[in-house]
Amino acid sequence: MTESAAQAVDRLTRWAPDFPVPGVRFADLTPVFADAAGLDALVRPLAELAPDADVVAGIDARGFLIGGAVAVAKRCGVLAVRKSGKLPPPVIARRYALEYGTATLEIPADGIELRGRKVLLLDDVLATGGTLVAAAELLTDAGADVVTLAVVLELTALAGREKVERELPTVPLQSLVRI
């Protein structure tokens, strides 16, 4: 019998209080990804969420890990949505607010044709929703059609789903685990 996503997340998530700033409780899914059964429990259901997607986009940095694995399972390409300053120019950028500051996400402005491509956008955790919304808007700016947003873990108390649904009302949002 295989482990469910909820069991893997419950068993392996490392919680870090007061990180990256006081008052934030950080959910580190890296141990889930490092466990073969845990990773498998996440990849299979995520790969099934957007059967028509031809690109999986993973958000910096843990989204890269899950995004790459899901892309392999789907037999499609993967795109890394990077933090500012990690890609050579030219880039397309989107600045956004975090629960503890601001950040910028970037993708290459050339070399990858996204116009008309169907994208499954993945991240590890949905907290306040700003990162997921910014990444989706960034991909849309590049001409992509974001068909599904998905996260491994949704922290419901932080109301990220409400922000995502308000800002991106036509894009379905899926969470494997909600706490």
C-alpha atoms as a PDB file:
ATOM      1  CA  MET A   1       0.000   0.000   0.000  1.00  0.00           C
ATOM      2  CA  THR A   2       1.344   3.436  -0.888  1.00  0.00           C
ATOM      3  CA  GLU A   3       1.464   6.347   1.471  1.00  0.00           C
ATOM      4  CA  SER A   4      -0.968   9.226   0.932  1.00  0.00           C
ATOM      5  CA  ALA A   5       0.180  12.798   0.473  1.00  0.00           C
ATOM      6  CA  ALA A   6      -1.394  13.775   3.799  1.00  0.00           C
ATOM      7  CA  GLN A   7       0.424  10.980   5.629  1.00  0.00           C
ATOM      8  CA  ALA A   8       3.755  11.925   4.043  1.00  0.00           C
ATOM      9  CA  VAL A   9       3.340  15.617   4.862  1.00  0.00           C
ATOM     10  CA  ASP A  10       2.247  14.851   8.423  1.00  0.00           C
ATOM     11  CA  ARG A  11       5.089  12.397   8.995  1.00  0.00           C
ATOM     12  CA  LEU A  12       7.950  14.354   7.439  1.00  0.00           C
ATOM     13  CA  THR A  13       7.323  18.117   7.448  1.00  0.00           C
ATOM     14  CA  ARG A  14       9.834  20.044   9.519  1.00  0.00           C
ATOM     15  CA  TRP A  15       8.295  23.061  11.248  1.00  0.00           C
ATOM     16  CA  ALA A  16      10.592  26.010  11.989  1.00  0.00           C
ATOM     17  CA  PRO A  17       9.215  28.621  14.406  1.00  0.00           C
ATOM     18  CA  ASP A  18      10.209  32.264  13.920  1.00  0.00           C
ATOM     19  CA  PHE A  19      11.693  31.678  10.475  1.00  0.00           C
ATOM     20  CA  PRO A  20      12.522  33.624   8.352  1.00  0.00           C
ATOM     21  CA  VAL A  21      11.357  36.340  10.743  1.00  0.00           C
ATOM     22  CA  PRO A  22       9.832  36.309  14.244  1.00  0.00           C
ATOM     23  CA  GLY A  23       6.187  35.287  14.236  1.00  0.00           C
ATOM     24  CA  VAL A  24       6.337  33.174  11.056  1.00  0.00           C
ATOM     25  CA  ARG A  25       6.072  29.382  11.413  1.00  0.00           C
ATOM     26  CA  PHE A  26       7.829  27.945   8.351  1.00  0.00           C
ATOM     27  CA  ALA A  27       6.718  24.613   6.890  1.00  0.00           C
ATOM     28  CA  ASP A  28       9.784  22.932   5.377  1.00  0.00           C
ATOM     29  CA  LEU A  29       8.740  20.153   2.987  1.00  0.00           C
ATOM     30  CA  THR A  30      12.326  19.327   2.013  1.00  0.00           C
ATOM     31  CA  PRO A  31      12.274  16.137   4.154  1.00  0.00           C
ATOM     32  CA  VAL A  32       9.113  15.006   2.322  1.00  0.00           C
ATOM     33  CA  PHE A  33      10.864  15.480  -1.032  1.00  0.00           C
ATOM     34  CA  ALA A  34      13.969  13.635   0.214  1.00  0.00           C
ATOM     35  CA  ASP A  35      11.925  10.553   1.129  1.00  0.00           C
ATOM     36  CA  ALA A  36      11.199   8.264  -1.863  1.00  0.00           C
ATOM     37  CA  ALA A  37       7.748   7.207  -0.636  1.00  0.00           C
ATOM     38  CA  GLY A  38       6.923  10.752   0.424  1.00  0.00           C
ATOM     39  CA  LEU A  39       7.924  12.206  -2.934  1.00  0.00           C
ATOM     40  CA  ASP A  40       5.979   9.544  -4.812  1.00  0.00           C
ATOM     41  CA  ALA A  41       2.884  10.260  -2.700  1.00  0.00           C
ATOM     42  CA  LEU A  42       3.008  13.882  -3.905  1.00  0.00           C
ATOM     43  CA  VAL A  43       4.073  13.509  -7.525  1.00  0.00           C
ATOM     44  CA  ARG A  44       1.392  11.121  -8.743  1.00  0.00           C
ATOM     45  CA  PRO A  45      -1.642  13.192  -7.668  1.00  0.00           C
ATOM     46  CA  LEU A  46      -0.040  16.489  -8.751  1.00  0.00           C
ATOM     47  CA  ALA A  47       0.712  15.092 -12.220  1.00  0.00           C
ATOM     48  CA  GLU A  48      -2.957  14.182 -12.653  1.00  0.00           C
ATOM     49  CA  LEU A  49      -4.284  17.686 -11.860  1.00  0.00           C
ATOM     50  CA  ALA A  50      -3.762  19.215 -15.302  1.00  0.00           C
ATOM     51  CA  PRO A  51      -3.754  16.492 -17.949  1.00  0.00           C
ATOM     52  CA  ASP A  52      -3.628  19.039 -20.789  1.00  0.00           C
ATOM     53  CA  ALA A  53      -0.625  20.999 -19.422  1.00  0.00           C
ATOM     54  CA  ASP A  54       2.472  20.807 -21.606  1.00  0.00           C
ATOM     55  CA  VAL A  55       4.761  22.692 -19.195  1.00  0.00           C
ATOM     56  CA  VAL A  56       5.124  22.473 -15.435  1.00  0.00           C
ATOM     57  CA  ALA A  57       6.380  25.643 -13.756  1.00  0.00           C
ATOM     58  CA  GLY A  58       7.923  25.349 -10.288  1.00  0.00           C
ATOM     59  CA  ILE A  59       8.415  28.365  -8.038  1.00  0.00           C
ATOM     60  CA  ASP A  60      11.838  29.051  -6.497  1.00  0.00           C
ATOM     61  CA  ALA A  61      13.107  27.016  -4.749  1.00  0.00           C
ATOM     62  CA  ARG A  62      11.254  23.980  -3.390  1.00  0.00           C
ATOM     63  CA  GLY A  63       8.783  24.331  -6.254  1.00  0.00           C
ATOM     64  CA  PHE A  64      11.704  23.385  -8.534  1.00  0.00           C
ATOM     65  CA  LEU A  65      12.024  20.029  -6.807  1.00  0.00           C
ATOM     66  CA  ILE A  66       8.395  19.064  -7.054  1.00  0.00           C
ATOM     67  CA  GLY A  67       7.990  20.713 -10.469  1.00  0.00           C
ATOM     68  CA  GLY A  68      10.807  18.703 -12.002  1.00  0.00           C
ATOM     69  CA  ALA A  69       9.465  15.449 -10.614  1.00  0.00           C
ATOM     70  CA  VAL A  70       5.929  16.191 -11.821  1.00  0.00           C
ATOM     71  CA  ALA A  71       7.198  17.177 -15.283  1.00  0.00           C
ATOM     72  CA  VAL A  72       9.030  13.866 -15.604  1.00  0.00           C
ATOM     73  CA  ALA A  73       5.886  11.991 -14.545  1.00  0.00           C
ATOM     74  CA  LYS A  74       3.826  13.947 -17.113  1.00  0.00           C
ATOM     75  CA  ARG A  75       6.524  13.628 -19.781  1.00  0.00           C
ATOM     76  CA  CYS A  76       6.565  17.361 -20.394  1.00  0.00           C
ATOM     77  CA  GLY A  77       8.891  20.302 -19.928  1.00  0.00           C
ATOM     78  CA  VAL A  78       9.639  22.177 -16.726  1.00  0.00           C
ATOM     79  CA  LEU A  79      10.244  25.886 -16.148  1.00  0.00           C
ATOM     80  CA  ALA A  80      11.884  27.368 -13.064  1.00  0.00           C
ATOM     81  CA  VAL A  81      10.252  30.587 -11.848  1.00  0.00           C
ATOM     82  CA  ARG A  82      13.262  32.245 -10.214  1.00  0.00           C
ATOM     83  CA  LYS A  83      13.865  34.816  -7.508  1.00  0.00           C
ATOM     84  CA  SER A  84      15.277  38.121  -8.700  1.00  0.00           C
ATOM     85  CA  GLY A  85      18.880  38.237  -9.849  1.00  0.00           C
ATOM     86  CA  LYS A  86      19.298  34.527 -10.605  1.00  0.00           C
ATOM     87  CA  LEU A  87      18.810  34.718 -14.395  1.00  0.00           C
ATOM     88  CA  PRO A  88      20.796  36.605 -17.013  1.00  0.00           C
ATOM     89  CA  PRO A  89      18.914  39.384 -18.795  1.00  0.00           C
ATOM     90  CA  PRO A  90      16.579  39.843 -20.469  1.00  0.00           C
ATOM     91  CA  VAL A  91      13.908  38.696 -18.013  1.00  0.00           C
ATOM     92  CA  ILE A  92      10.230  39.258 -17.382  1.00  0.00           C
ATOM     93  CA  ALA A  93       9.737  40.214 -13.731  1.00  0.00           C
ATOM     94  CA  ARG A  94       6.884  40.588 -11.251  1.00  0.00           C
ATOM     95  CA  ARG A  95       7.266  42.265  -7.826  1.00  0.00           C
ATOM     96  CA  TYR A  96       4.886  41.237  -5.050  1.00  0.00           C
ATOM     97  CA  ALA A  97       4.264  41.449  -1.297  1.00  0.00           C
ATOM     98  CA  LEU A  98       5.098  38.656   1.137  1.00  0.00           C
ATOM     99  CA  GLU A  99       3.800  38.257   4.675  1.00  0.00           C
ATOM    100  CA  TYR A 100       7.216  39.545   5.811  1.00  0.00           C
ATOM    101  CA  GLY A 101       8.376  41.890   3.036  1.00  0.00           C
ATOM    102  CA  THR A 102       8.510  42.077  -0.766  1.00  0.00           C
ATOM    103  CA  ALA A 103      10.124  39.939  -3.442  1.00  0.00           C
ATOM    104  CA  THR A 104      10.447  39.663  -7.213  1.00  0.00           C
ATOM    105  CA  LEU A 105      10.034  36.626  -9.443  1.00  0.00           C
ATOM    106  CA  GLU A 106      11.561  36.284 -12.918  1.00  0.00           C
ATOM    107  CA  ILE A 107      11.514  34.068 -15.990  1.00  0.00           C
ATOM    108  CA  PRO A 108      13.612  34.338 -19.153  1.00  0.00           C
ATOM    109  CA  ALA A 109      12.261  36.889 -21.641  1.00  0.00           C
ATOM    110  CA  ASP A 110      13.652  34.888 -24.547  1.00  0.00           C
ATOM    111  CA  GLY A 111      14.831  31.364 -25.299  1.00  0.00           C
ATOM    112  CA  ILE A 112      11.616  29.749 -24.030  1.00  0.00           C
ATOM    113  CA  GLU A 113       8.416  30.279 -26.010  1.00  0.00           C
ATOM    114  CA  LEU A 114       5.497  30.326 -23.582  1.00  0.00           C
ATOM    115  CA  ARG A 115       2.882  32.003 -25.778  1.00  0.00           C
ATOM    116  CA  GLY A 116      -0.112  29.666 -25.959  1.00  0.00           C
ATOM    117  CA  ARG A 117       1.503  26.967 -23.799  1.00  0.00           C
ATOM    118  CA  LYS A 118      -0.643  25.362 -21.097  1.00  0.00           C
ATOM    119  CA  VAL A 119       1.077  25.563 -17.725  1.00  0.00           C
ATOM    120  CA  LEU A 120       0.585  23.710 -14.447  1.00  0.00           C
ATOM    121  CA  LEU A 121       2.024  26.065 -11.806  1.00  0.00           C
ATOM    122  CA  LEU A 122       3.351  24.379  -8.643  1.00  0.00           C
ATOM    123  CA  ASP A 123       4.670  25.496  -5.295  1.00  0.00           C
ATOM    124  CA  ASP A 124       5.319  23.693  -2.049  1.00  0.00           C
ATOM    125  CA  VAL A 125       3.276  25.799   0.395  1.00  0.00           C
ATOM    126  CA  LEU A 126       0.379  28.231   0.037  1.00  0.00           C
ATOM    127  CA  ALA A 127       0.552  30.786   2.842  1.00  0.00           C
ATOM    128  CA  THR A 128      -0.768  34.280   2.035  1.00  0.00           C
ATOM    129  CA  GLY A 129      -1.012  33.683  -1.725  1.00  0.00           C
ATOM    130  CA  GLY A 130       1.235  36.475  -2.979  1.00  0.00           C
ATOM    131  CA  THR A 131       3.908  34.254  -4.494  1.00  0.00           C
ATOM    132  CA  LEU A 132       1.435  32.048  -6.355  1.00  0.00           C
ATOM    133  CA  VAL A 133      -0.495  35.039  -7.733  1.00  0.00           C
ATOM    134  CA  ALA A 134       2.713  36.809  -8.828  1.00  0.00           C
ATOM    135  CA  ALA A 135       4.034  33.688 -10.567  1.00  0.00           C
ATOM    136  CA  ALA A 136       0.738  33.125 -12.398  1.00  0.00           C
ATOM    137  CA  GLU A 137       0.639  36.762 -13.515  1.00  0.00           C
ATOM    138  CA  LEU A 138       4.267  36.545 -14.642  1.00  0.00           C
ATOM    139  CA  LEU A 139       3.531  33.487 -16.784  1.00  0.00           C
ATOM    140  CA  THR A 140       0.423  35.150 -18.201  1.00  0.00           C
ATOM    141  CA  ASP A 141       2.510  38.248 -19.053  1.00  0.00           C
ATOM    142  CA  ALA A 142       4.742  35.902 -21.071  1.00  0.00           C
ATOM    143  CA  GLY A 143       1.719  34.628 -23.010  1.00  0.00           C
ATOM    144  CA  ALA A 144       1.219  31.332 -21.202  1.00  0.00           C
ATOM    145  CA  ASP A 145      -2.162  29.902 -20.297  1.00  0.00           C
ATOM    146  CA  VAL A 146      -1.965  28.917 -16.622  1.00  0.00           C
ATOM    147  CA  VAL A 147      -4.488  26.058 -16.481  1.00  0.00           C
ATOM    148  CA  THR A 148      -4.076  24.950 -12.860  1.00  0.00           C
ATOM    149  CA  LEU A 149      -2.375  26.194  -9.698  1.00  0.00           C
ATOM    150  CA  ALA A 150      -1.331  23.520  -7.217  1.00  0.00           C
ATOM    151  CA  VAL A 151       0.456  23.320  -3.895  1.00  0.00           C
ATOM    152  CA  VAL A 152       1.460  20.469  -1.659  1.00  0.00           C
ATOM    153  CA  LEU A 153       0.471  22.155   1.622  1.00  0.00           C
ATOM    154  CA  GLU A 154      -2.060  24.929   2.201  1.00  0.00           C
ATOM    155  CA  LEU A 155      -1.944  26.815   5.503  1.00  0.00           C
ATOM    156  CA  THR A 156      -5.642  27.733   5.690  1.00  0.00           C
ATOM    157  CA  ALA A 157      -5.326  30.167   8.624  1.00  0.00           C
ATOM    158  CA  LEU A 158      -3.312  32.567   6.434  1.00  0.00           C
ATOM    159  CA  ALA A 159      -6.153  32.956   3.880  1.00  0.00           C
ATOM    160  CA  GLY A 160      -3.966  32.536   0.801  1.00  0.00           C
ATOM    161  CA  ARG A 161      -6.748  30.715  -1.048  1.00  0.00           C
ATOM    162  CA  GLU A 162      -9.011  33.737  -0.716  1.00  0.00           C
ATOM    163  CA  LYS A 163      -6.360  36.012  -2.230  1.00  0.00           C
ATOM    164  CA  VAL A 164      -5.648  33.595  -5.081  1.00  0.00           C
ATOM    165  CA  GLU A 165      -9.342  33.113  -5.879  1.00  0.00           C
ATOM    166  CA  ARG A 166      -9.936  36.893  -5.757  1.00  0.00           C
ATOM    167  CA  GLU A 167      -6.940  37.714  -7.993  1.00  0.00           C
ATOM    168  CA  LEU A 168      -7.189  34.697 -10.338  1.00  0.00           C
ATOM    169  CA  PRO A 169     -10.874  33.731 -10.311  1.00  0.00           C
ATOM    170  CA  THR A 170     -10.752  31.611 -13.484  1.00  0.00           C
ATOM    171  CA  VAL A 171      -7.760  29.438 -12.576  1.00  0.00           C
ATOM    172  CA  PRO A 172      -8.452  26.366 -10.436  1.00  0.00           C
ATOM    173  CA  LEU A 173      -6.410  26.049  -7.243  1.00  0.00           C
ATOM    174  CA  GLN A 174      -5.654  22.597  -5.841  1.00  0.00           C
ATOM    175  CA  SER A 175      -4.011  21.651  -2.542  1.00  0.00           C
ATOM    176  CA  LEU A 176      -2.947  18.128  -1.699  1.00  0.00           C
ATOM    177  CA  VAL A 177      -3.030  18.829   2.046  1.00  0.00           C
ATOM    178  CA  ARG A 178      -4.851  21.605   3.916  1.00  0.00           C
ATOM    179  CA  ILE A 179      -4.157  22.412   7.571  1.00  0.00           C
END
